[in-house]
Amino acid sequence: MPTTTGALPAADAAEIPTALAANSTTLPVDTAPARKSSSTVGTLSPVAFVVNTDDTEADTPADPDIAALDKGGKLADQLAEIHAQAARDAAENARIDEIVAKGGLDGWIAEALRIMDMPQSYAPSVKKIIMAESGGNPRAINNWDANAARGTPSEGLMQTIPSTFRKFVHPSLAGRSITDPVANITAGVRYMVATYGIDTLASGGRSNHLGQYIGY
């Protein structure tokens, strides 16, 4: 048996090109322009991506249960404040009732301020005016000034003349006498506020450059 070295014999090598030529076929070349496919595969749309560059986390919708609890908590706080204010008002009314029940100058002032719907914080200022005008005597009458000379003396705690009393007394007390303590206070206070302003009342009446009281 002949030894094979990997190379073909010369006769066999010469026959290969002849065999390939006999069995070869020329393929036709399509020179027409390329046509679009009749089948539609689909259309791709551009996709936008949002990049969060903030360090904070993206906002997320609040949990409805948590929102309800928060709302309920605020309502509870509001109700608590309403009840607390009602309790404070009741305590203040009780305090005023006690002062009024005791009577006297402080009681008259407290009642007058309540009727005029004014804060009780004005009580010390009103008392200062009264003490300067009448010394706290509801029946005090000034018989020596110009008003007295005209026949219309100043009377009562706030020393009002009759015409001033009638004009400025609180409507609910219009039927009372000029020397009625509560009615006289309302007339004097309302006149002072209308003529000189609430600040003058809060200051305890008019005063000169030395701080001395001046009648109104």
N, C-alpha and C. Protein backbone atom coordinates (compact mmCIF):
# COMPACT_ATOMS: atom_id res chain seq x y z
N MET A 1 0.86 -1.19 0.00
CA MET A 1 0.00 0.00 0.00
C MET A 1 0.89 1.23 0.00
N PRO A 2 0.66 2.15 -0.99
CA PRO A 2 1.51 3.33 -1.06
C PRO A 2 1.29 4.25 0.15
N THR A 3 2.34 4.91 0.54
CA THR A 3 2.26 5.81 1.69
C THR A 3 1.74 7.16 1.28
N THR A 4 0.76 7.72 2.07
CA THR A 4 0.16 9.03 1.76
C THR A 4 0.89 10.10 2.54
N THR A 5 1.33 11.12 1.81
CA THR A 5 2.09 12.18 2.47
C THR A 5 1.31 13.47 2.58
N GLY A 6 0.03 13.44 2.08
CA GLY A 6 -0.80 14.65 2.18
C GLY A 6 -0.87 15.38 0.87
N ALA A 7 -0.07 15.13 -0.12
CA ALA A 7 -0.12 15.80 -1.42
C ALA A 7 -0.79 14.90 -2.43
N LEU A 8 -1.62 15.51 -3.32
CA LEU A 8 -2.32 14.73 -4.34
C LEU A 8 -1.35 14.36 -5.45
N PRO A 9 -1.60 13.21 -6.11
CA PRO A 9 -0.78 12.85 -7.25
C PRO A 9 -0.95 13.91 -8.32
N ALA A 10 -0.02 14.08 -9.20
CA ALA A 10 -0.04 15.12 -10.24
C ALA A 10 -1.19 14.95 -11.18
N ALA A 11 -1.55 13.71 -11.52
CA ALA A 11 -2.67 13.47 -12.46
C ALA A 11 -3.97 13.92 -11.85
N ASP A 12 -4.17 13.63 -10.58
CA ASP A 12 -5.42 14.03 -9.90
C ASP A 12 -5.50 15.52 -9.77
N ALA A 13 -4.43 16.17 -9.47
CA ALA A 13 -4.44 17.63 -9.32
C ALA A 13 -4.77 18.31 -10.61
N ALA A 14 -4.38 17.76 -11.69
CA ALA A 14 -4.66 18.39 -12.99
C ALA A 14 -6.11 18.27 -13.36
N GLU A 15 -6.79 17.23 -12.87
CA GLU A 15 -8.19 17.01 -13.22
C GLU A 15 -9.13 17.92 -12.44
N ILE A 16 -8.77 18.53 -11.34
CA ILE A 16 -9.68 19.31 -10.47
C ILE A 16 -10.19 20.55 -11.17
N PRO A 17 -9.39 21.41 -11.77
CA PRO A 17 -9.93 22.61 -12.43
C PRO A 17 -10.91 22.26 -13.52
N THR A 18 -10.64 21.15 -14.28
CA THR A 18 -11.54 20.75 -15.37
C THR A 18 -12.89 20.36 -14.82
N ALA A 19 -12.92 19.65 -13.70
CA ALA A 19 -14.18 19.20 -13.08
C ALA A 19 -14.97 20.38 -12.54
N LEU A 20 -14.30 21.36 -11.96
CA LEU A 20 -15.00 22.53 -11.43
C LEU A 20 -15.62 23.35 -12.54
N ALA A 21 -14.92 23.47 -13.63
CA ALA A 21 -15.45 24.26 -14.75
C ALA A 21 -16.66 23.61 -15.36
N ALA A 22 -16.68 22.30 -15.42
CA ALA A 22 -17.80 21.59 -16.03
C ALA A 22 -19.05 21.67 -15.17
N ASN A 23 -18.91 21.81 -13.88
CA ASN A 23 -20.07 21.80 -12.98
C ASN A 23 -20.43 23.18 -12.45
N SER A 24 -19.81 24.22 -12.93
CA SER A 24 -20.12 25.57 -12.44
C SER A 24 -21.24 26.19 -13.21
N THR A 25 -22.03 27.07 -12.55
CA THR A 25 -23.18 27.79 -13.16
C THR A 25 -23.07 29.26 -12.82
N THR A 26 -23.29 30.12 -13.79
CA THR A 26 -23.21 31.58 -13.56
C THR A 26 -24.52 32.07 -13.00
N LEU A 27 -24.49 32.70 -11.85
CA LEU A 27 -25.70 33.21 -11.19
C LEU A 27 -26.08 34.56 -11.77
N PRO A 28 -27.37 34.80 -12.03
CA PRO A 28 -27.80 36.11 -12.57
C PRO A 28 -27.65 37.21 -11.52
N VAL A 29 -27.29 38.39 -11.98
CA VAL A 29 -27.11 39.54 -11.10
C VAL A 29 -28.27 40.50 -11.27
N ASP A 30 -28.99 40.84 -10.17
CA ASP A 30 -30.13 41.77 -10.21
C ASP A 30 -29.59 43.18 -10.06
N THR A 31 -29.69 43.95 -11.17
CA THR A 31 -29.18 45.33 -11.16
C THR A 31 -30.25 46.35 -10.88
N ALA A 32 -31.50 45.92 -10.60
CA ALA A 32 -32.60 46.88 -10.31
C ALA A 32 -32.38 47.51 -8.94
N PRO A 33 -32.90 48.77 -8.75
CA PRO A 33 -32.75 49.43 -7.43
C PRO A 33 -33.41 48.62 -6.33
N ALA A 34 -32.88 48.73 -5.20
CA ALA A 34 -33.44 48.01 -4.05
C ALA A 34 -34.85 48.49 -3.76
N ARG A 35 -35.77 47.56 -3.48
CA ARG A 35 -37.16 47.89 -3.20
C ARG A 35 -37.44 47.75 -1.72
N LYS A 36 -38.37 48.63 -1.30
CA LYS A 36 -38.77 48.55 0.11
C LYS A 36 -39.58 47.31 0.35
N SER A 37 -39.43 46.77 1.51
CA SER A 37 -40.19 45.58 1.86
C SER A 37 -41.65 45.93 1.99
N SER A 38 -42.51 45.04 1.45
CA SER A 38 -43.96 45.29 1.52
C SER A 38 -44.52 45.00 2.89
N SER A 39 -43.77 44.35 3.73
CA SER A 39 -44.26 44.04 5.08
C SER A 39 -43.75 45.09 6.05
N THR A 40 -44.68 45.64 6.84
CA THR A 40 -44.33 46.66 7.82
C THR A 40 -43.93 46.01 9.13
N VAL A 41 -42.73 46.31 9.53
CA VAL A 41 -42.26 45.71 10.78
C VAL A 41 -42.73 46.52 11.97
N GLY A 42 -42.76 47.87 11.87
CA GLY A 42 -43.17 48.72 12.99
C GLY A 42 -42.36 49.99 13.00
N THR A 43 -42.80 50.95 13.86
CA THR A 43 -42.12 52.25 13.96
C THR A 43 -41.60 52.43 15.37
N LEU A 44 -40.39 52.83 15.49
CA LEU A 44 -39.78 53.08 16.80
C LEU A 44 -39.85 54.56 17.11
N SER A 45 -40.35 54.92 18.27
CA SER A 45 -40.43 56.32 18.69
C SER A 45 -39.31 56.60 19.68
N PRO A 46 -38.82 57.85 19.67
CA PRO A 46 -37.77 58.18 20.64
C PRO A 46 -38.31 58.15 22.07
N VAL A 47 -37.53 57.71 22.96
CA VAL A 47 -37.92 57.60 24.36
C VAL A 47 -37.14 58.64 25.16
N ALA A 48 -37.91 59.45 25.95
CA ALA A 48 -37.26 60.47 26.78
C ALA A 48 -37.07 59.93 28.19
N PHE A 49 -35.92 60.11 28.72
CA PHE A 49 -35.61 59.68 30.08
C PHE A 49 -35.38 60.91 30.94
N VAL A 50 -36.03 60.96 32.13
CA VAL A 50 -35.85 62.08 33.06
C VAL A 50 -34.88 61.65 34.15
N VAL A 51 -33.83 62.41 34.27
CA VAL A 51 -32.83 62.10 35.28
C VAL A 51 -32.99 63.05 36.45
N ASN A 52 -33.23 62.52 37.62
CA ASN A 52 -33.39 63.34 38.82
C ASN A 52 -32.02 63.68 39.37
N THR A 53 -31.64 64.96 39.19
CA THR A 53 -30.33 65.41 39.67
C THR A 53 -30.39 65.98 41.08
N ASP A 54 -31.61 66.06 41.63
CA ASP A 54 -31.75 66.59 42.99
C ASP A 54 -31.37 65.53 43.99
N ASP A 55 -30.83 65.98 45.10
CA ASP A 55 -30.43 65.03 46.13
C ASP A 55 -31.62 64.48 46.89
N THR A 56 -32.75 65.24 46.87
CA THR A 56 -33.92 64.80 47.62
C THR A 56 -34.66 63.73 46.86
N GLU A 57 -35.42 62.96 47.57
CA GLU A 57 -36.20 61.92 46.94
C GLU A 57 -37.38 62.53 46.21
N ALA A 58 -37.82 61.85 45.15
CA ALA A 58 -38.96 62.35 44.38
C ALA A 58 -40.19 62.36 45.26
N ASP A 59 -41.03 63.37 45.06
CA ASP A 59 -42.26 63.46 45.84
C ASP A 59 -43.17 62.30 45.50
N THR A 60 -43.81 61.77 46.49
CA THR A 60 -44.77 60.70 46.29
C THR A 60 -46.09 61.11 46.89
N PRO A 61 -47.17 60.69 46.29
CA PRO A 61 -48.49 61.06 46.82
C PRO A 61 -48.62 60.65 48.28
N ALA A 62 -49.24 61.53 49.07
CA ALA A 62 -49.42 61.24 50.49
C ALA A 62 -50.38 60.08 50.67
N ASP A 63 -50.11 59.29 51.65
CA ASP A 63 -50.99 58.18 51.97
C ASP A 63 -52.33 58.74 52.42
N PRO A 64 -53.44 58.34 51.80
CA PRO A 64 -54.76 58.88 52.20
C PRO A 64 -55.05 58.71 53.68
N ASP A 65 -54.61 57.58 54.24
CA ASP A 65 -54.87 57.35 55.66
C ASP A 65 -54.09 58.34 56.52
N ILE A 66 -52.84 58.61 56.13
CA ILE A 66 -52.02 59.56 56.88
C ILE A 66 -52.60 60.96 56.77
N ALA A 67 -53.04 61.32 55.53
CA ALA A 67 -53.65 62.64 55.33
C ALA A 67 -54.90 62.80 56.19
N ALA A 68 -55.68 61.73 56.27
CA ALA A 68 -56.90 61.78 57.08
C ALA A 68 -56.57 61.95 58.56
N LEU A 69 -55.53 61.24 58.99
CA LEU A 69 -55.12 61.37 60.39
C LEU A 69 -54.62 62.77 60.69
N ASP A 70 -53.88 63.35 59.74
CA ASP A 70 -53.36 64.71 59.93
C ASP A 70 -54.50 65.71 60.02
N LYS A 71 -55.48 65.57 59.12
CA LYS A 71 -56.64 66.46 59.15
C LYS A 71 -57.42 66.29 60.44
N GLY A 72 -57.59 65.04 60.85
CA GLY A 72 -58.30 64.79 62.09
C GLY A 72 -57.58 65.38 63.29
N GLY A 73 -56.24 65.32 63.26
CA GLY A 73 -55.47 65.89 64.35
C GLY A 73 -55.63 67.40 64.44
N LYS A 74 -55.64 68.06 63.27
CA LYS A 74 -55.81 69.52 63.26
C LYS A 74 -57.20 69.91 63.77
N LEU A 75 -58.21 69.15 63.36
CA LEU A 75 -59.57 69.43 63.84
C LEU A 75 -59.65 69.25 65.36
N ALA A 76 -58.98 68.24 65.84
CA ALA A 76 -58.98 68.00 67.29
C ALA A 76 -58.31 69.16 68.02
N ASP A 77 -57.22 69.67 67.45
CA ASP A 77 -56.53 70.82 68.06
C ASP A 77 -57.44 72.05 68.08
N GLN A 78 -58.16 72.26 66.96
CA GLN A 78 -59.06 73.41 66.88
C GLN A 78 -60.18 73.30 67.90
N LEU A 79 -60.74 72.11 68.02
CA LEU A 79 -61.82 71.90 68.99
C LEU A 79 -61.30 72.11 70.42
N ALA A 80 -60.09 71.64 70.66
CA ALA A 80 -59.51 71.81 71.99
C ALA A 80 -59.32 73.28 72.32
N GLU A 81 -58.89 74.07 71.33
CA GLU A 81 -58.70 75.51 71.55
C GLU A 81 -60.05 76.20 71.77
N ILE A 82 -61.07 75.78 71.04
CA ILE A 82 -62.41 76.36 71.21
C ILE A 82 -62.91 76.11 72.64
N HIS A 83 -62.74 74.87 73.09
CA HIS A 83 -63.18 74.54 74.45
C HIS A 83 -62.36 75.30 75.49
N ALA A 84 -61.06 75.44 75.24
CA ALA A 84 -60.20 76.16 76.17
C ALA A 84 -60.60 77.63 76.25
N GLN A 85 -60.91 78.24 75.08
CA GLN A 85 -61.33 79.63 75.07
C GLN A 85 -62.67 79.81 75.77
N ALA A 86 -63.58 78.86 75.56
CA ALA A 86 -64.87 78.93 76.24
C ALA A 86 -64.69 78.86 77.76
N ALA A 87 -63.75 78.03 78.19
CA ALA A 87 -63.48 77.92 79.63
C ALA A 87 -62.89 79.23 80.17
N ARG A 88 -62.00 79.84 79.38
CA ARG A 88 -61.43 81.13 79.81
C ARG A 88 -62.49 82.22 79.89
N ASP A 89 -63.37 82.24 78.89
CA ASP A 89 -64.46 83.23 78.89
C ASP A 89 -65.38 83.04 80.09
N ALA A 90 -65.69 81.79 80.38
CA ALA A 90 -66.57 81.50 81.51
C ALA A 90 -65.92 81.95 82.82
N ALA A 91 -64.62 81.70 82.94
CA ALA A 91 -63.91 82.11 84.15
C ALA A 91 -63.89 83.63 84.28
N GLU A 92 -63.68 84.33 83.16
CA GLU A 92 -63.66 85.80 83.19
C GLU A 92 -65.03 86.36 83.54
N ASN A 93 -66.07 85.78 82.97
CA ASN A 93 -67.43 86.23 83.29
C ASN A 93 -67.75 86.02 84.76
N ALA A 94 -67.30 84.89 85.30
CA ALA A 94 -67.53 84.62 86.71
C ALA A 94 -66.80 85.64 87.58
N ARG A 95 -65.59 85.99 87.15
CA ARG A 95 -64.82 86.99 87.90
C ARG A 95 -65.52 88.35 87.90
N ILE A 96 -66.02 88.75 86.73
CA ILE A 96 -66.72 90.04 86.62
C ILE A 96 -68.01 90.02 87.43
N ASP A 97 -68.72 88.89 87.36
CA ASP A 97 -69.95 88.77 88.14
C ASP A 97 -69.67 88.98 89.63
N GLU A 98 -68.57 88.43 90.08
CA GLU A 98 -68.21 88.56 91.49
C GLU A 98 -67.91 90.01 91.86
N ILE A 99 -67.21 90.71 90.96
CA ILE A 99 -66.88 92.12 91.22
C ILE A 99 -68.14 92.97 91.23
N VAL A 100 -69.00 92.73 90.24
CA VAL A 100 -70.25 93.50 90.16
C VAL A 100 -71.12 93.25 91.39
N ALA A 101 -71.16 91.99 91.83
CA ALA A 101 -72.00 91.64 92.98
C ALA A 101 -71.55 92.35 94.25
N LYS A 102 -70.27 92.62 94.36
CA LYS A 102 -69.76 93.32 95.55
C LYS A 102 -70.16 94.79 95.56
N GLY A 103 -70.50 95.32 94.38
CA GLY A 103 -70.89 96.73 94.31
C GLY A 103 -69.72 97.65 94.52
N GLY A 104 -70.02 98.89 94.85
CA GLY A 104 -68.96 99.87 95.04
C GLY A 104 -68.37 100.32 93.72
N LEU A 105 -67.34 101.13 93.79
CA LEU A 105 -66.77 101.72 92.59
C LEU A 105 -66.25 100.68 91.60
N ASP A 106 -65.54 99.68 92.08
CA ASP A 106 -65.01 98.65 91.18
C ASP A 106 -66.14 97.89 90.49
N GLY A 107 -67.20 97.62 91.26
CA GLY A 107 -68.35 96.92 90.69
C GLY A 107 -69.06 97.75 89.63
N TRP A 108 -69.20 99.04 89.88
CA TRP A 108 -69.86 99.92 88.90
C TRP A 108 -69.05 100.01 87.60
N ILE A 109 -67.75 100.13 87.77
CA ILE A 109 -66.88 100.22 86.58
C ILE A 109 -66.95 98.92 85.77
N ALA A 110 -66.87 97.79 86.46
CA ALA A 110 -66.92 96.50 85.77
C ALA A 110 -68.24 96.33 85.02
N GLU A 111 -69.34 96.72 85.66
CA GLU A 111 -70.64 96.59 85.01
C GLU A 111 -70.75 97.52 83.81
N ALA A 112 -70.25 98.74 83.94
CA ALA A 112 -70.32 99.70 82.83
C ALA A 112 -69.50 99.22 81.63
N LEU A 113 -68.31 98.71 81.88
CA LEU A 113 -67.47 98.21 80.79
C LEU A 113 -68.12 97.01 80.11
N ARG A 114 -68.75 96.17 80.90
CA ARG A 114 -69.44 95.02 80.32
C ARG A 114 -70.59 95.48 79.43
N ILE A 115 -71.37 96.43 79.89
CA ILE A 115 -72.50 96.94 79.10
C ILE A 115 -72.01 97.55 77.79
N MET A 116 -70.87 98.25 77.83
CA MET A 116 -70.32 98.86 76.62
C MET A 116 -69.51 97.88 75.78
N ASP A 117 -69.41 96.64 76.25
CA ASP A 117 -68.64 95.61 75.55
C ASP A 117 -67.19 96.04 75.36
N MET A 118 -66.63 96.58 76.41
CA MET A 118 -65.24 97.01 76.40
C MET A 118 -64.42 96.11 77.31
N PRO A 119 -63.13 95.92 77.01
CA PRO A 119 -62.28 95.06 77.85
C PRO A 119 -62.19 95.57 79.28
N GLN A 120 -62.18 94.65 80.21
CA GLN A 120 -62.04 95.02 81.61
C GLN A 120 -60.66 95.58 81.93
N SER A 121 -59.74 95.45 80.99
CA SER A 121 -58.40 96.00 81.19
C SER A 121 -58.41 97.53 81.30
N TYR A 122 -59.51 98.16 80.87
CA TYR A 122 -59.62 99.62 80.98
C TYR A 122 -60.05 100.05 82.38
N ALA A 123 -60.41 99.13 83.23
CA ALA A 123 -60.93 99.47 84.56
C ALA A 123 -60.00 100.37 85.37
N PRO A 124 -58.70 100.08 85.45
CA PRO A 124 -57.82 100.98 86.23
C PRO A 124 -57.78 102.40 85.69
N SER A 125 -57.81 102.55 84.36
CA SER A 125 -57.78 103.89 83.75
C SER A 125 -59.06 104.65 84.06
N VAL A 126 -60.20 103.97 83.95
CA VAL A 126 -61.48 104.61 84.25
C VAL A 126 -61.52 105.02 85.72
N LYS A 127 -61.03 104.16 86.58
CA LYS A 127 -61.02 104.48 88.01
C LYS A 127 -60.16 105.70 88.29
N LYS A 128 -59.04 105.82 87.61
CA LYS A 128 -58.16 106.97 87.79
C LYS A 128 -58.88 108.27 87.43
N ILE A 129 -59.63 108.24 86.33
CA ILE A 129 -60.39 109.43 85.89
C ILE A 129 -61.46 109.78 86.92
N ILE A 130 -62.18 108.76 87.37
CA ILE A 130 -63.25 108.99 88.34
C ILE A 130 -62.71 109.60 89.63
N MET A 131 -61.61 109.08 90.11
CA MET A 131 -61.05 109.60 91.35
C MET A 131 -60.60 111.05 91.20
N ALA A 132 -60.12 111.40 89.99
CA ALA A 132 -59.70 112.79 89.75
C ALA A 132 -60.90 113.71 89.60
N GLU A 133 -62.00 113.19 89.05
CA GLU A 133 -63.17 114.02 88.78
C GLU A 133 -64.09 114.18 89.99
N SER A 134 -64.35 113.07 90.68
CA SER A 134 -65.37 113.12 91.74
C SER A 134 -64.93 112.49 93.05
N GLY A 135 -63.73 111.92 93.08
CA GLY A 135 -63.30 111.24 94.29
C GLY A 135 -64.06 109.96 94.55
N GLY A 136 -64.78 109.47 93.54
CA GLY A 136 -65.55 108.23 93.68
C GLY A 136 -66.92 108.42 94.28
N ASN A 137 -67.38 109.68 94.36
CA ASN A 137 -68.71 109.98 94.92
C ASN A 137 -69.72 110.11 93.78
N PRO A 138 -70.67 109.17 93.68
CA PRO A 138 -71.64 109.21 92.57
C PRO A 138 -72.59 110.40 92.63
N ARG A 139 -72.68 111.09 93.77
CA ARG A 139 -73.58 112.24 93.90
C ARG A 139 -72.83 113.58 93.92
N ALA A 140 -71.58 113.53 93.53
CA ALA A 140 -70.79 114.77 93.52
C ALA A 140 -71.33 115.76 92.49
N ILE A 141 -71.41 117.04 92.87
CA ILE A 141 -71.88 118.11 91.98
C ILE A 141 -70.89 119.27 92.05
N ASN A 142 -70.48 119.76 90.89
CA ASN A 142 -69.56 120.89 90.83
C ASN A 142 -70.38 122.18 90.73
N ASN A 143 -70.35 122.99 91.80
CA ASN A 143 -71.15 124.22 91.83
C ASN A 143 -70.32 125.49 91.63
N TRP A 144 -69.08 125.34 91.17
CA TRP A 144 -68.26 126.54 91.10
C TRP A 144 -67.63 126.83 89.73
N ASP A 145 -67.68 125.88 88.76
CA ASP A 145 -67.02 126.14 87.48
C ASP A 145 -67.95 126.86 86.50
N ALA A 146 -67.49 127.02 85.27
CA ALA A 146 -68.25 127.74 84.25
C ALA A 146 -69.57 127.05 83.95
N ASN A 147 -69.58 125.71 83.97
CA ASN A 147 -70.83 125.00 83.70
C ASN A 147 -71.86 125.31 84.78
N ALA A 148 -71.41 125.37 86.02
CA ALA A 148 -72.32 125.71 87.12
C ALA A 148 -72.86 127.12 86.96
N ALA A 149 -71.99 128.03 86.52
CA ALA A 149 -72.43 129.41 86.32
C ALA A 149 -73.50 129.50 85.25
N ARG A 150 -73.48 128.56 84.29
CA ARG A 150 -74.50 128.55 83.24
C ARG A 150 -75.74 127.79 83.67
N GLY A 151 -75.73 127.25 84.85
CA GLY A 151 -76.88 126.51 85.35
C GLY A 151 -76.89 125.05 84.96
N THR A 152 -75.79 124.56 84.44
CA THR A 152 -75.70 123.13 84.07
C THR A 152 -74.45 122.52 84.72
N PRO A 153 -74.49 122.35 86.02
CA PRO A 153 -73.31 121.85 86.73
C PRO A 153 -72.95 120.41 86.33
N SER A 154 -71.68 120.09 86.46
CA SER A 154 -71.21 118.72 86.21
C SER A 154 -71.61 117.84 87.39
N GLU A 155 -72.07 116.62 87.08
CA GLU A 155 -72.57 115.74 88.14
C GLU A 155 -72.08 114.31 87.95
N GLY A 156 -72.12 113.59 89.06
CA GLY A 156 -71.85 112.15 89.03
C GLY A 156 -70.38 111.78 89.05
N LEU A 157 -70.13 110.49 88.95
CA LEU A 157 -68.77 109.97 89.03
C LEU A 157 -67.83 110.57 87.99
N MET A 158 -68.33 110.70 86.75
CA MET A 158 -67.49 111.22 85.67
C MET A 158 -67.70 112.72 85.44
N GLN A 159 -68.52 113.35 86.29
CA GLN A 159 -68.76 114.80 86.21
C GLN A 159 -69.18 115.25 84.80
N THR A 160 -70.29 114.69 84.35
CA THR A 160 -70.84 115.08 83.05
C THR A 160 -71.94 116.12 83.27
N ILE A 161 -72.10 117.01 82.29
CA ILE A 161 -73.22 117.95 82.36
C ILE A 161 -74.43 117.27 81.74
N PRO A 162 -75.64 117.74 82.04
CA PRO A 162 -76.85 117.06 81.59
C PRO A 162 -76.90 116.79 80.08
N SER A 163 -76.53 117.76 79.26
CA SER A 163 -76.61 117.56 77.81
C SER A 163 -75.63 116.48 77.34
N THR A 164 -74.45 116.46 77.92
CA THR A 164 -73.46 115.42 77.56
C THR A 164 -73.94 114.05 78.01
N PHE A 165 -74.53 114.01 79.20
CA PHE A 165 -75.05 112.74 79.71
C PHE A 165 -76.12 112.19 78.77
N ARG A 166 -77.05 113.01 78.38
CA ARG A 166 -78.15 112.54 77.53
C ARG A 166 -77.64 112.06 76.16
N LYS A 167 -76.62 112.70 75.64
CA LYS A 167 -76.11 112.34 74.32
C LYS A 167 -75.26 111.07 74.33
N PHE A 168 -74.50 110.87 75.40
CA PHE A 168 -73.52 109.78 75.38
C PHE A 168 -73.82 108.61 76.31
N VAL A 169 -74.84 108.69 77.15
CA VAL A 169 -75.15 107.55 77.99
C VAL A 169 -75.48 106.35 77.11
N HIS A 170 -75.12 105.16 77.57
CA HIS A 170 -75.40 103.97 76.78
C HIS A 170 -76.91 103.84 76.57
N PRO A 171 -77.36 103.54 75.35
CA PRO A 171 -78.80 103.48 75.07
C PRO A 171 -79.59 102.61 76.03
N SER A 172 -78.99 101.53 76.50
CA SER A 172 -79.72 100.63 77.39
C SER A 172 -79.95 101.24 78.77
N LEU A 173 -79.25 102.35 79.06
CA LEU A 173 -79.37 103.00 80.37
C LEU A 173 -79.95 104.41 80.25
N ALA A 174 -80.52 104.72 79.12
CA ALA A 174 -81.00 106.09 78.86
C ALA A 174 -82.06 106.55 79.85
N GLY A 175 -82.79 105.64 80.45
CA GLY A 175 -83.84 106.02 81.37
C GLY A 175 -83.36 106.31 82.78
N ARG A 176 -82.07 106.14 83.03
CA ARG A 176 -81.55 106.32 84.39
C ARG A 176 -81.13 107.77 84.64
N SER A 177 -80.99 108.09 85.91
CA SER A 177 -80.60 109.44 86.33
C SER A 177 -79.12 109.70 86.03
N ILE A 178 -78.78 110.98 85.91
CA ILE A 178 -77.39 111.37 85.66
C ILE A 178 -76.47 110.97 86.81
N THR A 179 -77.03 110.82 87.98
CA THR A 179 -76.21 110.42 89.13
C THR A 179 -76.16 108.90 89.32
N ASP A 180 -76.84 108.15 88.45
CA ASP A 180 -76.73 106.69 88.51
C ASP A 180 -75.27 106.32 88.19
N PRO A 181 -74.61 105.58 89.07
CA PRO A 181 -73.18 105.32 88.89
C PRO A 181 -72.82 104.69 87.55
N VAL A 182 -73.51 103.62 87.20
CA VAL A 182 -73.18 102.89 85.97
C VAL A 182 -73.50 103.71 84.74
N ALA A 183 -74.67 104.34 84.73
CA ALA A 183 -75.06 105.16 83.59
C ALA A 183 -74.10 106.33 83.41
N ASN A 184 -73.71 106.96 84.51
CA ASN A 184 -72.80 108.10 84.43
C ASN A 184 -71.43 107.69 83.87
N ILE A 185 -70.97 106.52 84.28
CA ILE A 185 -69.68 106.03 83.76
C ILE A 185 -69.75 105.81 82.26
N THR A 186 -70.83 105.20 81.78
CA THR A 186 -70.94 104.96 80.34
C THR A 186 -70.95 106.27 79.56
N ALA A 187 -71.64 107.27 80.10
CA ALA A 187 -71.70 108.57 79.41
C ALA A 187 -70.32 109.22 79.36
N GLY A 188 -69.63 109.22 80.49
CA GLY A 188 -68.31 109.85 80.54
C GLY A 188 -67.28 109.14 79.66
N VAL A 189 -67.29 107.82 79.70
CA VAL A 189 -66.33 107.05 78.89
C VAL A 189 -66.60 107.23 77.41
N ARG A 190 -67.86 107.13 77.02
CA ARG A 190 -68.20 107.27 75.60
C ARG A 190 -67.88 108.68 75.08
N TYR A 191 -68.10 109.68 75.93
CA TYR A 191 -67.77 111.06 75.54
C TYR A 191 -66.25 111.22 75.37
N MET A 192 -65.48 110.68 76.30
CA MET A 192 -64.02 110.81 76.23
C MET A 192 -63.46 110.12 74.99
N VAL A 193 -63.93 108.92 74.70
CA VAL A 193 -63.44 108.19 73.53
C VAL A 193 -63.80 108.93 72.24
N ALA A 194 -65.04 109.45 72.18
CA ALA A 194 -65.48 110.16 70.98
C ALA A 194 -64.73 111.47 70.78
N THR A 195 -64.36 112.12 71.86
CA THR A 195 -63.73 113.44 71.77
C THR A 195 -62.21 113.39 71.72
N TYR A 196 -61.61 112.51 72.52
CA TYR A 196 -60.14 112.48 72.64
C TYR A 196 -59.50 111.18 72.18
N GLY A 197 -60.30 110.16 71.92
CA GLY A 197 -59.75 108.89 71.44
C GLY A 197 -59.55 107.87 72.55
N ILE A 198 -59.47 106.63 72.13
CA ILE A 198 -59.34 105.53 73.08
C ILE A 198 -58.01 105.57 73.83
N ASP A 199 -56.97 106.11 73.19
CA ASP A 199 -55.67 106.18 73.86
C ASP A 199 -55.71 107.09 75.09
N THR A 200 -56.49 108.16 74.99
CA THR A 200 -56.62 109.06 76.14
C THR A 200 -57.29 108.35 77.31
N LEU A 201 -58.32 107.57 76.98
CA LEU A 201 -58.98 106.78 78.03
C LEU A 201 -58.00 105.80 78.65
N ALA A 202 -57.25 105.09 77.79
CA ALA A 202 -56.30 104.10 78.28
C ALA A 202 -55.22 104.72 79.16
N SER A 203 -54.92 105.99 78.90
CA SER A 203 -53.89 106.69 79.68
C SER A 203 -54.42 107.24 81.00
N GLY A 204 -55.72 107.07 81.22
CA GLY A 204 -56.30 107.60 82.46
C GLY A 204 -56.69 109.05 82.35
N GLY A 205 -57.05 109.48 81.15
CA GLY A 205 -57.50 110.86 80.95
C GLY A 205 -56.41 111.76 80.38
N ARG A 206 -56.76 113.01 80.24
CA ARG A 206 -55.83 114.01 79.70
C ARG A 206 -54.83 114.44 80.78
N SER A 207 -53.66 114.87 80.32
CA SER A 207 -52.66 115.36 81.26
C SER A 207 -51.80 116.43 80.59
N ASN A 208 -51.18 117.29 81.41
CA ASN A 208 -50.32 118.34 80.86
C ASN A 208 -48.89 117.81 80.69
N HIS A 209 -47.97 118.71 80.35
CA HIS A 209 -46.60 118.29 80.09
C HIS A 209 -45.88 117.79 81.34
N LEU A 210 -46.45 118.08 82.48
CA LEU A 210 -45.89 117.60 83.74
C LEU A 210 -46.50 116.27 84.18
N GLY A 211 -47.46 115.77 83.37
CA GLY A 211 -48.12 114.52 83.70
C GLY A 211 -49.27 114.69 84.67
N GLN A 212 -49.68 115.94 84.92
CA GLN A 212 -50.78 116.20 85.84
C GLN A 212 -52.12 116.08 85.12
N TYR A 213 -53.11 115.54 85.82
CA TYR A 213 -54.42 115.32 85.23
C TYR A 213 -55.09 116.64 84.83
N ILE A 214 -55.73 116.62 83.65
CA ILE A 214 -56.51 117.77 83.18
C ILE A 214 -57.94 117.30 82.96
N GLY A 215 -58.87 118.01 83.47
CA GLY A 215 -60.27 117.65 83.28
C GLY A 215 -60.65 117.61 81.81
N TYR A 216 -61.66 116.86 81.52
CA TYR A 216 -62.08 116.72 80.13
C TYR A 216 -63.39 117.45 79.86
